[in-house]
Amino acid sequence: MTTPAITVSGLRKAYKDKVVLDGIDFEIPAGTVFSLLGPNGAGKTTTVNVLTTLMKADGGTVRVAGHDVATEARQVRAAIGVTGQFAAVDELLTGRENLRLMVDLSSVRDGERVVTRLLERFELTGSADKPASTYSGGMRRKLDLAMTLVGDPQIIFLDEPTTGLDPRSRHTMWTIVRGLVADGVTVFLTTQYLEEADQLADRIAVLDQGRLVAQGTPDELKRQIPGTHVRLRFTTAADLDAAAQALPEATRDDDALTLRVPSDGGTTSLRALLDRLDEYSLDAEGLSVHTPDLDDVFLALTGHTAEVVAP
């Protein structure tokens, strides 16, 4: 049986009278992406700080890469890489020089080969000898992550890796993360973009007021939340009125000329709905099935909208 990359049991942390982590438990299999979500003040940053040996817990046990963070901090640090939401590159140095600096600090063998390989992997070869101050935000993030990989860490902590990036750069980072996982690296991700967690995470945990209020795959979490419905769009207000009378369980939006009909989204219920429309000689201009997304999950579990998600 493969040893989990991270195991957290009964983790507790308080600042004076304020309990930040109230006995949380989770396990992360090796070679997967785990995303921790939660509103401001939920305890995400504290969790990451404990797991990366930057902070001592008040109780519970944490093992990272098979090592206890409290008694084997040095071994834990040798096995992990950490990339914060702000790229920690030296802007006075070139991209190549930043990587060489990390090689020197890490005592990596065959350093020049490592530098060349990382520049190629992150598509930075063409800008390798330009000062980092001239890099775009996306290039700085890529360089920062490349620097984190110099020592071939088994586990990488990504704290909001795509905050502030344009959509193209964000998708590039997603591709890089997927490539890391394909190589067997474990990724611990905090993000303010729920779409990002949905795209990347094998499992998600939602942290609220120091407690884990839900854990599961993105699909498992979505299935916990009611709200699947069929949206019917009509061309005139008269058609909308007629459909509303035929479908009394539906809710209407007069401005958009739409009806929202509760449904499980399956073919049987869809067929029954279309039969009812046909029975009343009604035609909808458009039909679409909507299922809850992670925004709905987040709101239902924490009472907060996704816009307040932060590390």
Protein backbone atom coordinates (compact mmCIF):
# COMPACT_ATOMS: atom_id res chain seq x y z
CA MET A 1 0.00 0.00 0.00
CA THR A 2 1.37 3.42 -0.99
CA THR A 3 2.10 5.81 1.85
CA PRO A 4 -0.06 8.95 1.64
CA ALA A 5 1.80 12.11 0.67
CA ILE A 6 0.16 14.02 3.54
CA THR A 7 -1.78 12.80 6.57
CA VAL A 8 -3.42 15.24 8.97
CA SER A 9 -5.18 14.04 12.11
CA GLY A 10 -6.84 16.19 14.78
CA LEU A 11 -4.91 19.32 13.77
CA ARG A 12 -5.57 22.20 16.16
CA LYS A 13 -4.24 25.73 16.30
CA ALA A 14 -5.34 28.78 18.28
CA TYR A 15 -4.13 32.34 18.71
CA LYS A 16 -4.88 33.26 22.31
CA ASP A 17 -8.66 32.79 22.61
CA LYS A 18 -9.32 32.47 18.88
CA VAL A 19 -9.46 28.89 17.62
CA VAL A 20 -8.24 28.83 14.03
CA LEU A 21 -8.11 25.08 13.39
CA ASP A 22 -10.47 22.95 15.44
CA GLY A 23 -9.32 19.37 14.97
CA ILE A 24 -9.21 18.86 11.20
CA ASP A 25 -8.46 15.56 9.47
CA PHE A 26 -7.60 14.74 5.86
CA GLU A 27 -5.34 12.48 3.81
CA ILE A 28 -3.80 13.17 0.42
CA PRO A 29 -2.69 10.27 -1.81
CA ALA A 30 0.63 10.67 -3.60
CA GLY A 31 0.51 11.98 -7.15
CA THR A 32 -2.79 13.83 -6.80
CA VAL A 33 -4.03 17.42 -6.57
CA PHE A 34 -5.73 18.40 -3.31
CA SER A 35 -7.44 21.78 -3.10
CA LEU A 36 -8.29 23.52 0.18
CA LEU A 37 -11.08 26.08 -0.15
CA GLY A 38 -12.62 28.43 2.36
CA PRO A 39 -13.58 32.05 3.05
CA ASN A 40 -11.29 34.65 4.59
CA GLY A 41 -10.21 33.64 8.06
CA ALA A 42 -11.20 30.01 7.60
CA GLY A 43 -7.70 28.76 8.49
CA LYS A 44 -6.24 27.87 5.09
CA THR A 45 -3.01 29.82 5.46
CA THR A 46 -2.51 28.46 8.98
CA THR A 47 -2.96 24.93 7.65
CA VAL A 48 -0.37 25.48 4.93
CA ASN A 49 2.04 27.08 7.41
CA VAL A 50 1.80 24.06 9.72
CA LEU A 51 2.23 21.57 6.88
CA THR A 52 5.30 23.40 5.57
CA THR A 53 6.93 23.60 9.05
CA LEU A 54 6.58 27.39 9.24
CA MET A 55 4.31 27.15 12.27
CA LYS A 56 3.87 24.69 15.13
CA ALA A 57 0.48 23.15 15.78
CA ASP A 58 -1.13 23.13 19.23
CA GLY A 59 -2.37 19.58 18.84
CA GLY A 60 -2.85 16.69 16.45
CA THR A 61 -0.38 14.99 14.17
CA VAL A 62 0.80 15.90 10.68
CA ARG A 63 2.96 13.73 8.46
CA VAL A 64 4.30 15.05 5.16
CA ALA A 65 6.18 12.70 2.83
CA GLY A 66 6.16 10.19 5.67
CA HIS A 67 7.81 12.56 8.16
CA ASP A 68 6.37 14.18 11.27
CA VAL A 69 6.40 17.96 10.81
CA ALA A 70 7.03 18.52 14.52
CA THR A 71 10.00 16.18 15.00
CA GLU A 72 11.37 15.78 11.46
CA ALA A 73 11.09 19.28 10.06
CA ARG A 74 14.37 19.06 8.13
CA GLN A 75 13.26 15.93 6.26
CA VAL A 76 9.90 17.53 5.50
CA ARG A 77 11.55 20.65 4.07
CA ALA A 78 13.79 18.50 1.87
CA ALA A 79 10.72 16.84 0.36
CA ILE A 80 8.57 19.89 -0.38
CA GLY A 81 8.48 23.01 -2.51
CA VAL A 82 6.40 26.10 -1.77
CA THR A 83 5.21 28.72 -4.24
CA GLY A 84 3.32 31.70 -2.86
CA GLN A 85 0.77 33.91 -4.56
CA PHE A 86 3.47 36.50 -5.27
CA ALA A 87 6.38 35.34 -7.40
CA ALA A 88 9.51 35.26 -5.24
CA VAL A 89 12.02 35.98 -7.96
CA ASP A 90 14.96 38.40 -7.85
CA GLU A 91 14.08 41.00 -10.47
CA LEU A 92 17.69 42.17 -10.79
CA LEU A 93 18.77 38.71 -11.95
CA THR A 94 17.95 37.04 -15.23
CA GLY A 95 15.74 33.98 -15.35
CA ARG A 96 18.79 31.77 -15.78
CA GLU A 97 20.57 33.44 -12.86
CA ASN A 98 17.54 32.97 -10.61
CA LEU A 99 17.58 29.27 -11.35
CA ARG A 100 21.36 29.05 -10.86
CA LEU A 101 20.95 30.69 -7.46
CA MET A 102 18.46 28.00 -6.43
CA VAL A 103 20.80 25.30 -7.74
CA ASP A 104 23.63 26.69 -5.62
CA LEU A 105 21.42 26.85 -2.53
CA SER A 106 20.15 23.32 -3.08
CA SER A 107 23.50 21.66 -3.87
CA VAL A 108 21.93 19.96 -6.88
CA ARG A 109 24.20 17.83 -9.03
CA ASP A 110 24.72 18.76 -12.69
CA GLY A 111 23.22 22.17 -12.05
CA GLU A 112 23.56 23.54 -15.59
CA ARG A 113 21.64 20.60 -17.01
CA VAL A 114 18.90 21.16 -14.42
CA VAL A 115 18.71 24.88 -15.30
CA THR A 116 18.51 24.15 -19.03
CA ARG A 117 15.85 21.48 -18.53
CA LEU A 118 13.65 23.76 -16.41
CA LEU A 119 13.97 26.68 -18.82
CA GLU A 120 12.83 24.41 -21.64
CA ARG A 121 10.04 22.84 -19.62
CA PHE A 122 8.56 26.21 -18.72
CA GLU A 123 9.15 27.72 -22.17
CA LEU A 124 11.48 30.39 -20.80
CA THR A 125 14.52 29.66 -22.96
CA GLY A 126 14.00 32.68 -25.19
CA SER A 127 13.90 35.02 -22.17
CA ALA A 128 16.43 33.17 -20.03
CA ASP A 129 19.08 35.91 -20.21
CA LYS A 130 16.74 38.86 -19.73
CA PRO A 131 16.22 40.47 -16.29
CA ALA A 132 13.20 39.06 -14.46
CA SER A 133 11.98 42.65 -14.11
CA THR A 134 11.09 42.55 -17.81
CA TYR A 135 8.96 39.39 -17.45
CA SER A 136 5.17 39.41 -17.61
CA GLY A 137 3.17 38.20 -14.61
CA GLY A 138 2.69 34.81 -16.18
CA MET A 139 6.40 34.44 -16.94
CA ARG A 140 7.32 35.36 -13.37
CA ARG A 141 4.94 32.72 -12.03
CA LYS A 142 6.45 30.13 -14.32
CA LEU A 143 9.96 31.10 -13.25
CA ASP A 144 8.92 30.99 -9.59
CA LEU A 145 7.52 27.49 -10.00
CA ALA A 146 10.58 26.40 -11.96
CA MET A 147 12.76 27.60 -9.07
CA THR A 148 10.62 25.56 -6.68
CA LEU A 149 11.29 22.43 -8.77
CA VAL A 150 15.09 22.71 -8.69
CA GLY A 151 15.38 20.14 -5.91
CA ASP A 152 12.77 17.75 -7.40
CA PRO A 153 10.33 18.03 -4.46
CA GLN A 154 7.84 15.22 -3.95
CA ILE A 155 5.13 17.61 -2.77
CA ILE A 156 4.44 21.17 -3.94
CA PHE A 157 2.32 23.73 -2.10
CA LEU A 158 0.79 26.23 -4.52
CA ASP A 159 -0.75 29.22 -2.77
CA GLU A 160 -2.98 30.99 -5.31
CA PRO A 161 -0.61 30.29 -8.21
CA THR A 162 -2.69 32.08 -10.85
CA THR A 163 -4.05 35.11 -8.99
CA GLY A 164 -3.90 38.15 -11.25
CA LEU A 165 -2.96 36.21 -14.38
CA ASP A 166 -4.78 36.59 -17.67
CA PRO A 167 -6.84 33.57 -18.85
CA ARG A 168 -4.16 32.34 -21.26
CA SER A 169 -1.43 32.39 -18.60
CA ARG A 170 -3.79 30.71 -16.14
CA HIS A 171 -4.44 27.86 -18.55
CA THR A 172 -0.70 27.53 -19.15
CA MET A 173 -0.19 27.10 -15.41
CA TRP A 174 -2.94 24.49 -15.32
CA THR A 175 -1.13 22.53 -18.03
CA ILE A 176 2.10 22.73 -16.03
CA VAL A 177 0.37 21.50 -12.87
CA ARG A 178 -1.16 18.56 -14.74
CA GLY A 179 2.28 17.72 -16.10
CA LEU A 180 3.75 17.72 -12.59
CA VAL A 181 1.07 15.34 -11.34
CA ALA A 182 1.64 13.08 -14.35
CA ASP A 183 5.26 12.87 -13.20
CA GLY A 184 4.13 11.72 -9.74
CA VAL A 185 4.31 15.04 -7.87
CA THR A 186 1.65 15.75 -5.24
CA VAL A 187 0.12 19.24 -5.36
CA PHE A 188 -1.54 21.03 -2.43
CA LEU A 189 -3.48 23.91 -3.95
CA THR A 190 -5.18 26.94 -2.46
CA THR A 191 -7.00 29.13 -4.94
CA GLN A 192 -9.56 31.90 -5.13
CA TYR A 193 -10.83 30.56 -8.45
CA LEU A 194 -13.35 27.79 -7.91
CA GLU A 195 -13.11 26.91 -11.61
CA GLU A 196 -9.42 26.23 -11.01
CA ALA A 197 -10.17 23.78 -8.20
CA ASP A 198 -12.83 22.16 -10.37
CA GLN A 199 -10.39 21.76 -13.27
CA LEU A 200 -7.35 20.55 -11.33
CA ALA A 201 -8.30 18.94 -8.03
CA ASP A 202 -8.78 15.22 -7.54
CA ARG A 203 -10.21 16.02 -4.11
CA ILE A 204 -11.42 19.21 -2.46
CA ALA A 205 -11.85 20.07 1.21
CA VAL A 206 -13.92 23.06 2.30
CA LEU A 207 -12.70 24.75 5.48
CA ASP A 208 -15.00 27.09 7.40
CA GLN A 209 -14.44 28.58 10.85
CA GLY A 210 -11.63 26.14 11.58
CA ARG A 211 -13.55 22.99 10.67
CA LEU A 212 -13.71 20.92 7.51
CA VAL A 213 -17.35 21.08 6.48
CA ALA A 214 -17.02 18.88 3.38
CA GLN A 215 -14.54 16.70 1.53
CA GLY A 216 -14.77 14.83 -1.75
CA THR A 217 -14.21 14.97 -5.47
CA PRO A 218 -15.64 18.02 -7.26
CA ASP A 219 -18.52 15.90 -8.60
CA GLU A 220 -19.25 14.40 -5.18
CA LEU A 221 -19.48 17.87 -3.64
CA LYS A 222 -21.78 19.12 -6.41
CA ARG A 223 -24.13 16.17 -5.93
CA GLN A 224 -24.59 17.16 -2.27
CA ILE A 225 -26.28 20.39 -3.31
CA PRO A 226 -29.85 20.44 -4.67
CA GLY A 227 -30.61 22.77 -7.53
CA THR A 228 -30.40 20.89 -10.81
CA HIS A 229 -33.01 22.36 -13.13
CA VAL A 230 -34.07 22.78 -16.73
CA ARG A 231 -34.20 26.32 -18.05
CA LEU A 232 -36.77 27.03 -20.75
CA ARG A 233 -36.57 30.23 -22.77
CA PHE A 234 -39.58 31.63 -24.63
CA THR A 235 -39.96 34.26 -27.36
CA THR A 236 -42.92 36.19 -25.96
CA ALA A 237 -44.47 37.07 -22.62
CA ALA A 238 -47.67 35.33 -23.68
CA ASP A 239 -45.80 32.07 -24.26
CA LEU A 240 -44.11 32.47 -20.89
CA ASP A 241 -47.50 32.97 -19.18
CA ALA A 242 -48.96 29.90 -20.84
CA ALA A 243 -45.95 27.76 -19.91
CA ALA A 244 -46.03 29.02 -16.31
CA GLN A 245 -49.66 27.87 -16.03
CA ALA A 246 -48.79 24.46 -17.47
CA LEU A 247 -45.74 24.09 -15.19
CA PRO A 248 -46.84 25.45 -11.78
CA GLU A 249 -43.73 24.03 -10.07
CA ALA A 250 -41.48 26.28 -12.15
CA THR A 251 -40.10 29.68 -11.18
CA ARG A 252 -40.15 32.43 -13.78
CA ASP A 253 -37.93 35.29 -14.84
CA ASP A 254 -40.05 37.79 -16.74
CA ASP A 255 -37.09 39.90 -17.86
CA ALA A 256 -35.30 36.94 -19.42
CA LEU A 257 -38.55 35.22 -20.54
CA THR A 258 -37.40 31.99 -18.89
CA LEU A 259 -38.83 29.30 -16.65
CA ARG A 260 -36.70 27.31 -14.23
CA VAL A 261 -38.13 23.80 -13.79
CA PRO A 262 -36.77 21.55 -10.99
CA SER A 263 -35.32 18.36 -12.48
CA ASP A 264 -32.70 15.69 -11.93
CA GLY A 265 -31.38 16.38 -15.44
CA GLY A 266 -31.93 12.79 -16.57
CA THR A 267 -33.40 11.77 -19.93
CA THR A 268 -36.58 10.40 -18.36
CA SER A 269 -37.49 13.66 -16.63
CA LEU A 270 -36.52 15.66 -19.73
CA ARG A 271 -38.78 13.50 -21.89
CA ALA A 272 -41.64 13.98 -19.44
CA LEU A 273 -41.13 17.75 -19.48
CA LEU A 274 -41.16 17.90 -23.29
CA ASP A 275 -44.30 15.75 -23.35
CA ARG A 276 -46.02 18.25 -21.04
CA LEU A 277 -45.05 21.13 -23.28
CA ASP A 278 -46.36 19.23 -26.29
CA GLU A 279 -49.60 18.44 -24.45
CA TYR A 280 -50.27 22.17 -24.09
CA SER A 281 -48.99 22.93 -27.62
CA LEU A 282 -46.13 24.98 -26.24
CA ASP A 283 -42.77 25.52 -27.89
CA ALA A 284 -39.68 26.81 -26.06
CA GLU A 285 -37.13 28.80 -28.02
CA GLY A 286 -34.32 27.20 -26.01
CA LEU A 287 -33.75 24.50 -23.41
CA SER A 288 -30.70 23.93 -21.20
CA VAL A 289 -29.91 21.77 -18.18
CA HIS A 290 -28.15 23.45 -15.28
CA THR A 291 -26.42 21.63 -12.42
CA PRO A 292 -24.89 23.16 -9.28
CA ASP A 293 -21.28 24.25 -9.64
CA LEU A 294 -18.60 24.77 -7.00
CA ASP A 295 -19.84 28.32 -6.42
CA ASP A 296 -23.19 26.85 -5.34
CA VAL A 297 -21.42 24.28 -3.17
CA PHE A 298 -19.27 26.95 -1.55
CA LEU A 299 -22.24 29.20 -0.83
CA ALA A 300 -24.35 26.35 0.58
CA LEU A 301 -21.56 25.09 2.85
CA THR A 302 -20.15 28.38 4.14
CA GLY A 303 -22.85 30.97 3.61
CA HIS A 304 -20.35 33.05 1.63
CA THR A 305 -20.16 33.74 -2.09
CA ALA A 306 -17.10 32.67 -4.04
CA GLU A 307 -15.85 36.24 -4.43
CA VAL A 308 -14.62 36.25 -0.83
CA VAL A 309 -12.43 33.15 -1.26
CA ALA A 310 -8.82 33.97 -0.43
CA PRO A 311 -5.84 32.13 1.02
